[in-house]
Each structure stands twice: as C-alpha cells, then as structure tokens.
Protein backbone atom coordinates (compact mmCIF):
# COMPACT_ATOMS: atom_id res chain seq x y z
CA MET A 1 0.22 0.04 -0.08
CA ARG A 2 1.18 3.26 -1.12
CA GLU A 3 2.82 5.74 1.66
CA LEU A 4 -0.33 7.75 3.83
CA ASP A 5 -0.78 11.57 4.35
CA PRO A 6 -0.99 11.63 8.41
CA GLU A 7 -2.60 15.13 8.08
CA GLN A 8 -4.61 14.19 4.85
CA LEU A 9 -6.13 11.10 7.23
CA HIS A 10 -6.17 13.16 10.73
CA GLN A 11 -8.54 16.13 8.14
CA GLY A 12 -10.74 13.47 6.71
CA ILE A 13 -11.68 12.22 10.27
CA GLU A 14 -12.25 15.71 11.17
CA ASN A 15 -14.61 15.69 8.68
CA PHE A 16 -16.64 13.10 9.83
CA ARG A 17 -18.35 15.26 11.79
CA SER A 18 -19.91 17.62 9.22
CA THR A 19 -21.07 14.31 7.39
CA SER A 20 -24.76 13.02 7.03
CA ILE A 21 -24.97 9.53 6.62
CA LEU A 22 -28.39 7.73 5.42
CA VAL A 23 -28.68 4.17 6.55
CA ILE A 24 -31.33 1.77 5.36
CA GLY A 25 -31.37 -1.84 6.59
CA ASP A 26 -32.45 -4.77 9.08
CA ILE A 27 -32.69 -3.43 12.70
CA MET A 28 -31.63 -5.46 15.25
CA LEU A 29 -31.61 -5.66 19.16
CA ASP A 30 -28.24 -7.30 20.05
CA ARG A 31 -29.23 -9.13 24.03
CA PHE A 32 -26.27 -9.94 26.01
CA ILE A 33 -26.51 -12.59 28.95
CA TRP A 34 -23.36 -12.71 30.60
CA GLY A 35 -21.70 -15.33 33.13
CA LYS A 36 -19.61 -17.46 34.37
CA VAL A 37 -19.23 -21.51 33.91
CA SER A 38 -17.88 -23.94 36.30
CA ARG A 39 -19.25 -27.41 35.78
CA ILE A 40 -21.49 -29.19 32.98
CA SER A 41 -24.68 -30.28 33.01
CA PRO A 42 -25.78 -33.78 34.21
CA GLU A 43 -28.58 -33.65 31.59
CA ALA A 44 -26.56 -33.02 28.62
CA PRO A 45 -22.71 -32.33 27.79
CA VAL A 46 -22.91 -28.73 27.96
CA PRO A 47 -21.52 -25.62 29.84
CA VAL A 48 -24.17 -24.55 32.65
CA VAL A 49 -23.74 -20.98 32.54
CA GLU A 50 -24.28 -19.01 35.96
CA VAL A 51 -25.89 -15.62 34.64
CA GLU A 52 -24.09 -12.72 36.36
CA HIS A 53 -25.98 -9.53 34.38
CA GLU A 54 -27.80 -8.78 31.08
CA SER A 55 -27.27 -5.97 28.55
CA THR A 56 -28.81 -4.78 25.45
CA MET A 57 -27.28 -2.75 22.92
CA LEU A 58 -28.30 -2.02 18.79
CA GLY A 59 -27.66 -4.52 16.48
CA GLY A 60 -27.59 -4.85 12.54
CA ALA A 61 -27.89 -1.91 10.58
CA ALA A 62 -28.83 -0.30 14.10
CA ASN A 63 -25.38 -1.47 15.19
CA VAL A 64 -23.89 0.19 11.97
CA VAL A 65 -25.93 3.79 12.83
CA ASN A 66 -23.75 3.35 16.60
CA THR A 67 -20.74 3.19 14.76
CA LEU A 68 -21.37 6.32 12.64
CA ILE A 69 -22.72 8.24 15.77
CA SER A 70 -19.58 7.23 17.95
CA LEU A 71 -17.42 8.62 14.73
CA GLY A 72 -19.03 12.03 14.55
CA SER A 73 -21.49 11.79 12.09
CA ASN A 74 -25.19 13.02 12.05
CA VAL A 75 -27.25 10.12 11.18
CA LEU A 76 -30.50 9.03 9.55
CA LEU A 77 -32.04 5.37 9.70
CA CYS A 78 -34.54 3.60 7.60
CA GLY A 79 -36.35 0.25 8.69
CA VAL A 80 -39.01 -1.57 10.20
CA VAL A 81 -39.26 -2.66 13.90
CA GLY A 82 -41.86 -4.63 15.64
CA ASP A 83 -44.48 -3.44 17.67
CA ASP A 84 -43.38 -4.98 20.45
CA ARG A 85 -41.03 -3.99 23.62
CA PRO A 86 -37.86 -4.93 21.70
CA GLY A 87 -38.55 -2.48 18.81
CA GLU A 88 -39.62 0.47 21.68
CA GLU A 89 -35.86 -0.40 23.18
CA VAL A 90 -34.77 0.29 20.21
CA LEU A 91 -36.60 3.75 18.90
CA ARG A 92 -35.67 4.87 22.59
CA LYS A 93 -32.04 4.32 22.29
CA LEU A 94 -31.71 5.62 18.53
CA GLU A 95 -33.54 9.05 19.85
CA ASP A 96 -31.30 8.97 23.12
CA MET A 97 -28.59 9.21 20.61
CA GLY A 98 -30.22 11.63 18.57
CA VAL A 99 -30.57 9.84 15.31
CA ASP A 100 -33.58 10.80 12.83
CA ILE A 101 -35.95 7.98 13.06
CA GLY A 102 -38.37 9.50 10.89
CA GLY A 103 -37.54 6.76 8.03
CA ILE A 104 -38.55 3.81 10.69
CA ALA A 105 -41.98 2.19 9.99
CA ILE A 106 -43.96 -0.33 12.73
CA GLU A 107 -45.39 -3.53 11.49
CA SER A 108 -46.81 -5.69 13.73
CA ALA A 109 -46.48 -8.68 11.48
CA LYS A 110 -42.82 -8.03 11.83
CA PRO A 111 -41.29 -8.29 15.21
CA THR A 112 -38.33 -6.69 15.76
CA SER A 113 -35.25 -8.94 15.65
CA VAL A 114 -33.45 -9.72 18.52
CA LYS A 115 -30.11 -11.68 18.75
CA THR A 116 -29.27 -13.08 22.48
CA ARG A 117 -25.67 -14.12 23.07
CA ILE A 118 -25.05 -16.25 25.82
CA VAL A 119 -21.38 -15.08 26.92
CA ALA A 120 -19.04 -17.07 29.57
CA HIS A 121 -15.38 -15.84 30.33
CA ALA A 122 -14.99 -13.19 27.40
CA GLN A 123 -16.11 -16.62 25.21
CA GLN A 124 -19.62 -16.89 23.53
CA VAL A 125 -21.35 -20.12 24.66
CA VAL A 126 -24.12 -19.51 22.20
CA ARG A 127 -26.49 -17.79 20.59
CA TYR A 128 -30.53 -17.90 19.97
CA ASP A 129 -32.80 -15.42 17.24
CA ARG A 130 -36.24 -14.41 17.21
CA GLU A 131 -37.19 -12.91 13.91
CA LYS A 132 -39.60 -13.18 10.94
CA ARG A 133 -37.72 -13.45 7.85
CA ILE A 134 -41.12 -11.59 5.51
CA PRO A 135 -41.48 -9.43 2.98
CA LEU A 136 -41.99 -5.61 3.87
CA LYS A 137 -46.13 -4.44 3.30
CA PRO A 138 -45.99 -2.17 0.28
CA ALA A 139 -47.11 0.72 2.06
CA THR A 140 -43.62 0.31 4.28
CA ILE A 141 -42.10 0.05 1.12
CA LYS A 142 -43.52 3.42 0.34
CA TYR A 143 -43.13 5.38 3.76
CA ILE A 144 -39.49 4.60 3.33
CA LEU A 145 -38.81 5.88 -0.03
CA ASP A 146 -40.92 8.94 0.86
CA PHE A 147 -38.79 9.17 3.42
CA ILE A 148 -35.57 8.91 0.85
CA ARG A 149 -37.12 11.53 -1.19
CA ALA A 150 -37.36 14.25 1.10
CA LYS A 151 -34.03 13.56 3.06
CA LYS A 152 -31.82 13.06 -0.20
CA ASP A 153 -30.61 16.51 -0.42
CA HIS A 154 -28.91 16.91 2.97
CA MET A 155 -27.31 13.03 2.62
CA SER A 156 -23.58 12.70 2.36
CA ALA A 157 -23.71 8.57 1.50
CA MET A 158 -25.80 5.85 1.95
CA ILE A 159 -25.04 2.61 3.70
CA LEU A 160 -27.29 -0.27 2.80
CA SER A 161 -26.76 -2.67 5.58
CA ASP A 162 -28.23 -6.14 4.56
CA TYR A 163 -29.09 -9.12 6.95
CA GLY A 164 -31.18 -11.29 4.94
CA LYS A 165 -34.50 -10.09 6.66
CA GLY A 166 -36.49 -9.18 4.23
CA VAL A 167 -36.17 -5.01 4.03
CA LEU A 168 -33.73 -4.96 1.20
CA SER A 169 -35.84 -6.43 -1.50
CA ARG A 170 -35.67 -5.72 -5.44
CA LYS A 171 -38.59 -3.43 -5.20
CA LEU A 172 -36.75 -0.71 -2.54
CA MET A 173 -33.68 -0.91 -4.19
CA HIS A 174 -35.36 -0.46 -7.51
CA GLY A 175 -36.78 2.77 -5.78
CA ILE A 176 -33.83 4.01 -4.20
CA ALA A 177 -32.06 4.02 -6.90
CA GLU A 178 -35.00 6.03 -8.89
CA ALA A 179 -34.91 8.23 -5.83
CA ILE A 180 -31.63 9.02 -5.67
CA ALA A 181 -30.82 9.02 -9.41
CA GLY A 182 -28.18 12.19 -10.66
CA SER A 183 -27.69 13.13 -7.12
CA ASN A 184 -23.88 11.59 -6.85
CA ILE A 185 -25.00 10.17 -3.41
CA PRO A 186 -21.97 7.57 -2.57
CA VAL A 187 -23.71 3.72 -1.97
CA ALA A 188 -21.61 1.50 0.27
CA VAL A 189 -23.46 -2.04 0.59
CA ASP A 190 -23.19 -4.66 3.27
CA PRO A 191 -24.10 -7.24 1.33
CA ASN A 192 -26.18 -10.60 1.96
CA VAL A 193 -25.10 -13.38 -0.40
CA LYS A 194 -29.03 -14.29 -1.43
CA ASN A 195 -29.57 -10.68 -2.23
CA PHE A 196 -26.19 -9.85 -4.14
CA SER A 197 -27.69 -9.61 -7.74
CA LEU A 198 -29.68 -6.58 -5.96
CA TYR A 199 -26.99 -4.18 -6.00
CA LYS A 200 -25.64 -2.58 -8.93
CA ASP A 201 -24.01 0.86 -9.83
CA VAL A 202 -23.29 1.02 -6.14
CA THR A 203 -19.90 2.84 -4.79
CA VAL A 204 -18.54 -0.17 -2.76
CA ILE A 205 -19.60 -3.52 -1.40
CA THR A 206 -17.96 -4.96 1.49
CA PRO A 207 -18.24 -8.75 1.45
CA ASN A 208 -15.90 -10.69 3.48
CA ASN A 209 -13.64 -13.45 2.07
CA THR A 210 -16.74 -16.50 2.49
CA GLN A 211 -19.34 -14.48 1.06
CA ALA A 212 -16.83 -13.67 -2.25
CA GLY A 213 -16.35 -16.85 -2.22
CA GLU A 214 -20.22 -18.31 -2.09
CA ILE A 215 -21.24 -15.50 -4.56
CA THR A 216 -18.51 -16.44 -7.18
CA GLY A 217 -19.04 -20.00 -6.62
CA MET A 218 -15.16 -20.04 -5.89
CA ASP A 219 -13.17 -21.89 -3.18
CA ILE A 220 -11.00 -19.36 -2.35
CA LYS A 221 -7.57 -21.16 -0.80
CA ASP A 222 -5.27 -18.08 -1.49
CA GLU A 223 -4.25 -14.56 -2.87
CA ASN A 224 -4.21 -15.52 -6.34
CA ASP A 225 -7.89 -17.02 -5.66
CA LEU A 226 -8.97 -13.79 -3.66
CA VAL A 227 -7.92 -11.39 -7.10
CA LYS A 228 -10.04 -13.59 -9.44
CA ALA A 229 -13.06 -13.92 -7.45
CA GLY A 230 -12.81 -9.93 -6.68
CA LYS A 231 -12.08 -9.43 -10.65
CA ARG A 232 -15.02 -11.17 -11.05
CA LEU A 233 -17.16 -9.63 -8.43
CA MET A 234 -16.58 -5.95 -10.55
CA ASN A 235 -17.01 -6.82 -13.43
CA ARG A 236 -20.54 -8.70 -12.74
CA ASP A 237 -22.08 -5.52 -10.61
CA ARG A 238 -20.71 -2.94 -12.05
CA CYS A 239 -19.84 -1.29 -8.54
CA LYS A 240 -16.62 1.74 -8.27
CA SER A 241 -14.86 -0.58 -6.04
CA LEU A 242 -15.22 -3.77 -3.95
CA LEU A 243 -13.34 -4.12 -0.27
CA ILE A 244 -13.45 -7.76 0.86
CA THR A 245 -12.76 -8.44 4.16
CA ARG A 246 -10.31 -11.20 5.27
CA GLY A 247 -10.48 -11.71 9.08
CA GLU A 248 -6.64 -11.99 10.37
CA GLU A 249 -5.65 -11.68 7.02
CA GLY A 250 -6.93 -7.84 6.96
CA MET A 251 -8.50 -6.71 3.73
CA THR A 252 -8.60 -6.37 -0.09
CA LEU A 253 -9.57 -3.44 -2.23
CA PHE A 254 -10.55 -3.64 -5.54
CA GLU A 255 -11.06 -0.46 -7.56
CA GLU A 256 -12.76 0.44 -10.82
CA ASN A 257 -9.50 1.42 -12.61
CA GLY A 258 -8.24 -1.81 -12.04
CA GLU A 259 -5.72 -1.00 -8.82
CA ILE A 260 -5.93 -3.95 -6.21
CA THR A 261 -4.53 -2.70 -2.81
CA GLN A 262 -3.60 -5.18 -0.02
CA ILE A 263 -4.41 -4.11 3.38
CA LYS A 264 -2.81 -5.83 6.43
CA SER A 265 -4.84 -5.96 9.61
CA ILE A 266 -3.39 -4.44 12.63
CA ALA A 267 -5.53 -6.12 15.10
CA LYS A 268 -3.10 -7.78 17.71
CA LYS A 269 -5.77 -9.61 19.58
CA VAL A 270 -9.52 -10.85 18.29
CA TYR A 271 -11.73 -11.55 20.86
CA ASP A 272 -14.95 -11.11 19.13
CA VAL A 273 -16.18 -10.28 15.42
CA THR A 274 -19.58 -9.17 16.83
CA GLY A 275 -20.12 -6.17 14.71
CA ALA A 276 -16.45 -6.16 12.87
CA GLY A 277 -18.54 -5.75 9.42
CA ASP A 278 -20.78 -2.85 10.18
CA THR A 279 -17.64 -0.97 11.52
CA VAL A 280 -15.86 -1.46 8.19
CA ILE A 281 -18.50 0.25 6.27
CA ALA A 282 -19.57 2.79 8.91
CA ALA A 283 -16.02 3.98 8.38
CA PHE A 284 -15.02 3.78 5.03
CA THR A 285 -18.23 5.55 4.10
CA LEU A 286 -17.31 8.12 6.30
CA GLY A 287 -13.98 8.15 4.70
CA ILE A 288 -14.96 8.59 0.89
CA ALA A 289 -18.01 11.10 2.42
CA SER A 290 -14.95 13.06 4.16
CA GLY A 291 -13.12 13.78 0.86
CA LEU A 292 -10.60 10.54 1.43
CA ASP A 293 -9.62 8.14 -1.78
CA MET A 294 -10.51 5.03 -1.30
CA LYS A 295 -7.21 3.54 -0.06
CA SER A 296 -7.26 5.92 2.66
CA ALA A 297 -11.07 5.40 3.95
CA ALA A 298 -9.88 1.48 3.80
CA PHE A 299 -7.23 2.09 5.79
CA LEU A 300 -9.34 4.04 8.31
CA SER A 301 -12.03 1.04 8.09
CA ASN A 302 -9.01 -1.46 8.49
CA LEU A 303 -7.86 0.30 11.80
CA ALA A 304 -11.49 0.65 13.09
CA ALA A 305 -12.17 -2.94 12.52
CA GLY A 306 -8.71 -4.03 14.59
CA ILE A 307 -10.13 -2.02 17.51
CA VAL A 308 -13.61 -3.66 17.67
CA VAL A 309 -12.18 -7.01 17.09
CA GLY A 310 -10.17 -6.64 20.54
CA GLU A 311 -13.19 -6.02 22.83
CA VAL A 312 -16.33 -8.54 23.57
CA GLY A 313 -19.87 -7.67 22.49
CA THR A 314 -21.05 -5.60 19.87
CA SER A 315 -19.25 -2.37 20.33
CA ALA A 316 -18.31 1.26 18.70
CA VAL A 317 -14.99 3.13 18.13
CA LYS A 318 -14.88 6.48 19.39
CA ILE A 319 -12.98 9.29 16.93
CA ASP A 320 -10.37 10.19 19.44
CA VAL A 321 -9.17 6.03 19.23
CA LEU A 322 -9.42 5.99 15.76
CA LYS A 323 -7.01 9.67 15.92
CA ARG A 324 -4.42 7.55 17.91
CA ALA A 325 -4.47 4.45 16.11
CA VAL A 326 -3.70 6.40 13.42
CA ASP A 327 -0.69 8.33 15.09
CA SER A 328 0.34 5.44 16.43
CA TYR A 329 0.27 2.83 12.88
CA LEU A 330 2.08 5.51 11.13
CA SER A 331 4.39 6.05 13.72
CA ARG A 332 6.15 2.29 13.78
C-alpha cells in the first residue's frame, strides 16, 4: 500500500463531524447474557452458565448507526421494527443518541429481530435468534422511499446494511435507485449473499472472504483465488469499488481503474468479531464522504475494525481512539 498522509487522514477524520449518513437495512437488538461456567450439566454435555448480568445494544443496521454516531456523524435510519417491547427499546436508544428515526416503520406482523448471545469468561457459549424473515408491506416500502426523497438533498452518503431479514428487496432497491438518480450520493453496501444480484452501480460493496467465495462459486484458498473472485465481482456488479474483508489477513480493495490494494490487519488480539463488518462499512463510508480517496478510507476502516475485534460484545469506535490508532500505526 502506498505511503499515507497523516495530515490528510486527520483532516478526513475531522470531516466526519460534518457528514450526514442515511442507513437503510435490517434493524436488530443485540441482547447479551453474561455469566461464568464452573460445571457441566448432568442432563447433557453442555456448560451450565451462571448468569451474572444482562445488557442490550443496537444491532444490525442500528449497530452501523451506533458506529457512525461514535465517529461524529449525523445519522438518519430507515428500516422496520415490530410493535413490541424490543422495538420500543430500539427506538428509545436511537432517540437518546439523537438519530433521525422518521424513516423507521412499525409493522405488527414483523417482530423486531433479537439476537441473544450467552457469554461466559469472554467467550460466546451460544446464540439464539427471534425473528421473522418476511417481505415488507407495500405501504412500508412507500413510507421508506418517501422519507429518502425528502432527505436526499441533505445526505453525504448512504449505507445499505443487508442481513437478509426482508428489508432490502428488489422493489425497494429499484425505488432507492430512482429516488437518488442524478444526485451523486455515494452508496455503500454490506451485502447478503442471497441478495447480491440487487446491488448494481453502487460505490462500494463490502463482502467478507466467505461471501465472496459463495457469490462467485469459488473456493478461495489463496491470494490468487481472491484476486480472481474480486475481478469477477467487479465485472458482474458494475460497482466502483469492492472491499473484501479477510479476517486476520486484513482486507483487499479493488477499484474500477483496475488497482488492487492489499491492507494487512492491525488487530493484535481477536476476542469477538461481532459488529466488525458494520464497523468496516461505517468507517469506509465516512472516509469517502469526508473527501478521502478509497485507499485512505479503506485504511481507516481496517484500523477501526482492528479496534472492535479486540473487545467482547458489539462495540463502537470513538473518533479520538481512531485518531490515536492512526498516529500509532504511522509512527511505527
């Protein structure tokens, strides 16, 4: 990777504060049950977790919002929650953070997605989900598109956070494309494999290594395989860039001019990858919305992800922590 300009990176991070990012996608509530294990159940060969406390955090598209807010951006959110207590909790948390929730619809037939993780001694023991993967009602799609049209002139960028729960459908994607046509708003997509055909002419798509393999039908074993898969995806989806995240191997950026940039991971310890993908797309989008080139934006997203995976549970990177990480990395 070419030499990075620390002043340019710092200015880009400062510019995060003047951005306004619209996030559209599957809104979830992450629930954590924390405890310890001291014995195995006599009923089955499973650990018995003695619960010490519980906590909840915003998840899915709402965790992208959490990261954007932590990094200084103004945020709007479109999606759906159920007419239930988890939905009320999600809306309350978002309002407390100052997020514009005018684009969130409530559907009684589609309960709020809740992912519950049981954690003991800093390790996940099990996760269980409560959700319904059903399409949005036509009235809900219209509601979201009306919100986008009303707010598009004030957007710096848009993030589509697709967890495959039913929000990002072909009809909604077509409506979004029409709503922002001619606006030059950067659009970043955190993809879902089954919906990959929906993402056309966007600014960046951020699949992980496994998703890239599934989408292309390739068994990605080494860097040569990765490059072939990346080029195939670039040609197929007409995106301006592709950022493939590779866990401990870092990430690889493909640009429409043919350049391919390998970015090594900076994570020293990996405790929990929960929310890492959300962090990558949030930081990368903020970078390009703040005037940074794609390589610099990818570098910042790699630093941010390295910070997140070093903590247990869904977490968000703060702007001052990211600045210190930039200085620490570039001074090595």
